[in-house]
Amino acid sequence: MNIKGQNFLKKNFCSLISKKICIHKKNKIIELASGYGNFTKFLKKKVNSRILEFEIDNLFKNNKINENIININFRIYGRILIFGNIPYNITTKIIKKILLYRNIKDIYIMLQIDFVKKIYFFYKKIFSYKKMKNTCFIPSPKIESCFVKISNYI
């Protein structure tokens, strides 16, 4: 189902990615663009704390914070990890905003592979975890993606 141009990662790939990330059980997590909650289910198995889910699409607003990612004040949440499969059309705005906050420890995020190649030259604290072919998503987008970790240490 394609809603507002969204592409959803298939559940088996959510499981694969969640196994690769290192999250301490006590970490606070904010998930951006949580959609159906496919990643959320796997993340909840790894942490004891509540995962704050942000989703602007009204179709998915059940038990989620209905707020635009660009408007979030991340400072009010203390030390956090960010996790998400964000809309590629606003990736630059989101990454620039997130990197301004020093209380964000790490960012685990799905990005367009061309974007990852571009920002790697400027921001060396980006680590590729898994390249994702377009067939890993429903519906299949025309581009390929990469799940990355961005360390946000000073």
C-alpha atoms as a PDB file:
ATOM      1  CA  MET A   1       0.000   0.000   0.000  1.00  0.00           C
ATOM      2  CA  ASN A   2       1.488   3.354  -1.063  1.00  0.00           C
ATOM      3  CA  ILE A   3       0.289   6.180   1.136  1.00  0.00           C
ATOM      4  CA  LYS A   4       1.480   9.714   0.336  1.00  0.00           C
ATOM      5  CA  GLY A   5       4.394   8.240  -1.629  1.00  0.00           C
ATOM      6  CA  GLN A   6       5.590   6.140   1.308  1.00  0.00           C
ATOM      7  CA  ASN A   7       7.495   2.896   0.902  1.00  0.00           C
ATOM      8  CA  PHE A   8       7.467   0.411   3.754  1.00  0.00           C
ATOM      9  CA  LEU A   9      10.308  -1.947   4.565  1.00  0.00           C
ATOM     10  CA  LYS A  10       9.225  -5.586   4.541  1.00  0.00           C
ATOM     11  CA  LYS A  11       9.027  -7.141   8.035  1.00  0.00           C
ATOM     12  CA  ASN A  12      11.816  -9.678   7.487  1.00  0.00           C
ATOM     13  CA  PHE A  13      14.217  -6.806   6.719  1.00  0.00           C
ATOM     14  CA  CYS A  14      13.063  -4.923   9.838  1.00  0.00           C
ATOM     15  CA  SER A  15      14.077  -7.984  11.843  1.00  0.00           C
ATOM     16  CA  LEU A  16      17.441  -8.235  10.081  1.00  0.00           C
ATOM     17  CA  ILE A  17      18.268  -4.565  10.708  1.00  0.00           C
ATOM     18  CA  SER A  18      17.119  -4.589  14.329  1.00  0.00           C
ATOM     19  CA  LYS A  19      19.536  -7.452  15.044  1.00  0.00           C
ATOM     20  CA  LYS A  20      22.471  -5.400  13.723  1.00  0.00           C
ATOM     21  CA  ILE A  21      22.011  -2.330  15.895  1.00  0.00           C
ATOM     22  CA  CYS A  22      23.464  -1.914  19.364  1.00  0.00           C
ATOM     23  CA  ILE A  23      20.948  -0.446  21.736  1.00  0.00           C
ATOM     24  CA  HIS A  24      21.303  -0.556  25.502  1.00  0.00           C
ATOM     25  CA  LYS A  25      18.107  -1.660  27.254  1.00  0.00           C
ATOM     26  CA  LYS A  26      17.894   1.647  29.144  1.00  0.00           C
ATOM     27  CA  ASN A  27      18.238   3.914  26.096  1.00  0.00           C
ATOM     28  CA  LYS A  28      15.388   6.285  25.314  1.00  0.00           C
ATOM     29  CA  ILE A  29      14.370   5.940  21.683  1.00  0.00           C
ATOM     30  CA  ILE A  30      12.500   8.262  19.374  1.00  0.00           C
ATOM     31  CA  GLU A  31      11.263   6.685  16.182  1.00  0.00           C
ATOM     32  CA  LEU A  32      10.596   9.072  13.316  1.00  0.00           C
ATOM     33  CA  ALA A  33       7.970   8.275  10.688  1.00  0.00           C
ATOM     34  CA  SER A  34       7.003   5.027  12.407  1.00  0.00           C
ATOM     35  CA  GLY A  35       4.194   4.192   9.962  1.00  0.00           C
ATOM     36  CA  TYR A  36       2.722   0.745  10.613  1.00  0.00           C
ATOM     37  CA  GLY A  37       5.170   0.174  13.477  1.00  0.00           C
ATOM     38  CA  ASN A  38       7.079  -2.673  11.828  1.00  0.00           C
ATOM     39  CA  PHE A  39      10.429  -1.466  13.223  1.00  0.00           C
ATOM     40  CA  THR A  40       8.842  -0.521  16.537  1.00  0.00           C
ATOM     41  CA  LYS A  41       7.880  -4.132  17.271  1.00  0.00           C
ATOM     42  CA  PHE A  42      11.476  -5.292  16.906  1.00  0.00           C
ATOM     43  CA  LEU A  43      12.899  -2.316  18.821  1.00  0.00           C
ATOM     44  CA  LYS A  44      10.577  -2.979  21.779  1.00  0.00           C
ATOM     45  CA  LYS A  45      12.170  -6.407  22.172  1.00  0.00           C
ATOM     46  CA  LYS A  46      15.567  -4.725  22.679  1.00  0.00           C
ATOM     47  CA  VAL A  47      14.710  -1.960  25.168  1.00  0.00           C
ATOM     48  CA  ASN A  48      12.878  -1.617  28.470  1.00  0.00           C
ATOM     49  CA  SER A  49      11.929   2.010  27.984  1.00  0.00           C
ATOM     50  CA  ARG A  50       9.011   3.363  26.014  1.00  0.00           C
ATOM     51  CA  ILE A  51       9.634   4.213  22.375  1.00  0.00           C
ATOM     52  CA  LEU A  52       8.246   7.599  21.409  1.00  0.00           C
ATOM     53  CA  GLU A  53       6.804   7.266  17.922  1.00  0.00           C
ATOM     54  CA  PHE A  54       6.328  10.306  15.720  1.00  0.00           C
ATOM     55  CA  GLU A  55       4.122  10.043  12.653  1.00  0.00           C
ATOM     56  CA  ILE A  56       2.472  12.876  10.742  1.00  0.00           C
ATOM     57  CA  ASP A  57       0.187  10.691   8.603  1.00  0.00           C
ATOM     58  CA  ASN A  58      -3.244  10.527  10.263  1.00  0.00           C
ATOM     59  CA  LEU A  59      -3.724   6.948   9.069  1.00  0.00           C
ATOM     60  CA  PHE A  60      -1.051   5.813  11.549  1.00  0.00           C
ATOM     61  CA  LYS A  61      -1.686   8.142  14.480  1.00  0.00           C
ATOM     62  CA  ASN A  62      -2.943   5.486  16.927  1.00  0.00           C
ATOM     63  CA  ASN A  63      -0.717   5.743  20.062  1.00  0.00           C
ATOM     64  CA  LYS A  64       1.751   7.977  18.214  1.00  0.00           C
ATOM     65  CA  ILE A  65       2.696  11.619  18.501  1.00  0.00           C
ATOM     66  CA  ASN A  66       1.175  13.356  15.501  1.00  0.00           C
ATOM     67  CA  GLU A  67       3.796  16.026  14.807  1.00  0.00           C
ATOM     68  CA  ASN A  68       5.939  17.059  11.867  1.00  0.00           C
ATOM     69  CA  ILE A  69       9.538  15.883  12.362  1.00  0.00           C
ATOM     70  CA  ILE A  70      10.837  19.328  11.436  1.00  0.00           C
ATOM     71  CA  ASN A  71       8.957  20.890  14.397  1.00  0.00           C
ATOM     72  CA  ILE A  72      10.177  18.529  17.134  1.00  0.00           C
ATOM     73  CA  ASN A  73      12.262  19.988  19.970  1.00  0.00           C
ATOM     74  CA  PHE A  74      14.491  17.015  20.734  1.00  0.00           C
ATOM     75  CA  ARG A  75      16.096  18.704  23.792  1.00  0.00           C
ATOM     76  CA  ILE A  76      13.038  18.104  25.953  1.00  0.00           C
ATOM     77  CA  TYR A  77      13.574  14.318  25.768  1.00  0.00           C
ATOM     78  CA  GLY A  78      17.043  14.239  27.354  1.00  0.00           C
ATOM     79  CA  ARG A  79      19.676  11.821  26.066  1.00  0.00           C
ATOM     80  CA  ILE A  80      18.110   9.830  23.214  1.00  0.00           C
ATOM     81  CA  LEU A  81      18.682   7.638  20.189  1.00  0.00           C
ATOM     82  CA  ILE A  82      16.875   8.417  16.962  1.00  0.00           C
ATOM     83  CA  PHE A  83      15.604   5.641  14.747  1.00  0.00           C
ATOM     84  CA  GLY A  84      13.657   5.978  11.542  1.00  0.00           C
ATOM     85  CA  ASN A  85      12.738   5.317   7.961  1.00  0.00           C
ATOM     86  CA  ILE A  86      12.152   8.939   6.996  1.00  0.00           C
ATOM     87  CA  PRO A  87      10.684  10.483   3.841  1.00  0.00           C
ATOM     88  CA  TYR A  88      13.550  10.942   1.384  1.00  0.00           C
ATOM     89  CA  ASN A  89      12.147  14.208   0.026  1.00  0.00           C
ATOM     90  CA  ILE A  90      12.924  15.977   3.334  1.00  0.00           C
ATOM     91  CA  THR A  91      16.027  14.001   4.369  1.00  0.00           C
ATOM     92  CA  THR A  92      18.421  16.956   4.190  1.00  0.00           C
ATOM     93  CA  LYS A  93      16.212  19.122   6.432  1.00  0.00           C
ATOM     94  CA  ILE A  94      15.772  16.328   8.961  1.00  0.00           C
ATOM     95  CA  ILE A  95      19.463  15.369   9.161  1.00  0.00           C
ATOM     96  CA  LYS A  96      20.568  19.012   9.480  1.00  0.00           C
ATOM     97  CA  LYS A  97      18.063  19.539  12.290  1.00  0.00           C
ATOM     98  CA  ILE A  98      18.950  16.356  14.177  1.00  0.00           C
ATOM     99  CA  LEU A  99      22.692  17.060  14.053  1.00  0.00           C
ATOM    100  CA  LEU A 100      22.130  20.375  15.869  1.00  0.00           C
ATOM    101  CA  TYR A 101      21.061  18.558  19.041  1.00  0.00           C
ATOM    102  CA  ARG A 102      23.893  17.329  21.289  1.00  0.00           C
ATOM    103  CA  ASN A 103      21.549  15.243  23.447  1.00  0.00           C
ATOM    104  CA  ILE A 104      21.067  12.815  20.551  1.00  0.00           C
ATOM    105  CA  LYS A 105      23.613  10.040  21.000  1.00  0.00           C
ATOM    106  CA  ASP A 106      23.244   8.099  17.765  1.00  0.00           C
ATOM    107  CA  ILE A 107      20.968   8.144  14.762  1.00  0.00           C
ATOM    108  CA  TYR A 108      19.943   4.873  13.121  1.00  0.00           C
ATOM    109  CA  ILE A 109      18.213   5.773   9.904  1.00  0.00           C
ATOM    110  CA  MET A 110      17.279   4.601   6.419  1.00  0.00           C
ATOM    111  CA  LEU A 111      18.594   6.951   3.747  1.00  0.00           C
ATOM    112  CA  GLN A 112      18.735   7.079  -0.013  1.00  0.00           C
ATOM    113  CA  ILE A 113      22.094   5.587  -1.013  1.00  0.00           C
ATOM    114  CA  ASP A 114      23.040   8.631  -3.133  1.00  0.00           C
ATOM    115  CA  PHE A 115      22.462  10.878  -0.117  1.00  0.00           C
ATOM    116  CA  VAL A 116      24.728   8.682   2.030  1.00  0.00           C
ATOM    117  CA  LYS A 117      27.516   8.940  -0.569  1.00  0.00           C
ATOM    118  CA  LYS A 118      27.118  12.732  -0.661  1.00  0.00           C
ATOM    119  CA  ILE A 119      27.223  13.384   3.054  1.00  0.00           C
ATOM    120  CA  TYR A 120      30.014  10.905   3.772  1.00  0.00           C
ATOM    121  CA  PHE A 121      32.563  13.364   2.387  1.00  0.00           C
ATOM    122  CA  PHE A 122      31.390  16.051   4.814  1.00  0.00           C
ATOM    123  CA  TYR A 123      30.451  13.972   7.812  1.00  0.00           C
ATOM    124  CA  LYS A 124      32.828  11.103   8.557  1.00  0.00           C
ATOM    125  CA  LYS A 125      30.872   9.715  11.532  1.00  0.00           C
ATOM    126  CA  ILE A 126      28.463   7.823   9.305  1.00  0.00           C
ATOM    127  CA  PHE A 127      28.595   4.033   9.216  1.00  0.00           C
ATOM    128  CA  SER A 128      26.794   1.861   6.695  1.00  0.00           C
ATOM    129  CA  TYR A 129      25.010  -1.142   8.166  1.00  0.00           C
ATOM    130  CA  LYS A 130      23.068  -2.574   5.284  1.00  0.00           C
ATOM    131  CA  LYS A 131      22.438  -1.625   1.670  1.00  0.00           C
ATOM    132  CA  MET A 132      18.804  -2.200   0.839  1.00  0.00           C
ATOM    133  CA  LYS A 133      17.655  -3.018  -2.677  1.00  0.00           C
ATOM    134  CA  ASN A 134      14.433  -1.447  -3.837  1.00  0.00           C
ATOM    135  CA  THR A 135      12.774  -4.901  -3.690  1.00  0.00           C
ATOM    136  CA  CYS A 136      13.066  -4.799   0.133  1.00  0.00           C
ATOM    137  CA  PHE A 137      10.213  -2.277   0.207  1.00  0.00           C
ATOM    138  CA  ILE A 138       6.501  -2.345  -0.493  1.00  0.00           C
ATOM    139  CA  PRO A 139       5.922  -0.852  -3.023  1.00  0.00           C
ATOM    140  CA  SER A 140       9.397  -0.962  -4.581  1.00  0.00           C
ATOM    141  CA  PRO A 141      10.827   2.542  -4.996  1.00  0.00           C
ATOM    142  CA  LYS A 142      12.938   3.512  -8.001  1.00  0.00           C
ATOM    143  CA  ILE A 143      16.023   4.077  -5.842  1.00  0.00           C
ATOM    144  CA  GLU A 144      18.194   2.000  -3.512  1.00  0.00           C
ATOM    145  CA  SER A 145      18.598   2.726   0.177  1.00  0.00           C
ATOM    146  CA  CYS A 146      21.096   2.204   2.942  1.00  0.00           C
ATOM    147  CA  PHE A 147      20.490   1.758   6.644  1.00  0.00           C
ATOM    148  CA  VAL A 148      23.137   3.770   8.487  1.00  0.00           C
ATOM    149  CA  LYS A 149      24.304   4.808  11.910  1.00  0.00           C
ATOM    150  CA  ILE A 150      25.364   8.412  12.395  1.00  0.00           C
ATOM    151  CA  SER A 151      27.307   9.094  15.589  1.00  0.00           C
ATOM    152  CA  ASN A 152      26.477  12.486  16.989  1.00  0.00           C
ATOM    153  CA  TYR A 153      29.298  12.868  19.506  1.00  0.00           C
ATOM    154  CA  ILE A 154      31.098  16.210  19.774  1.00  0.00           C
END
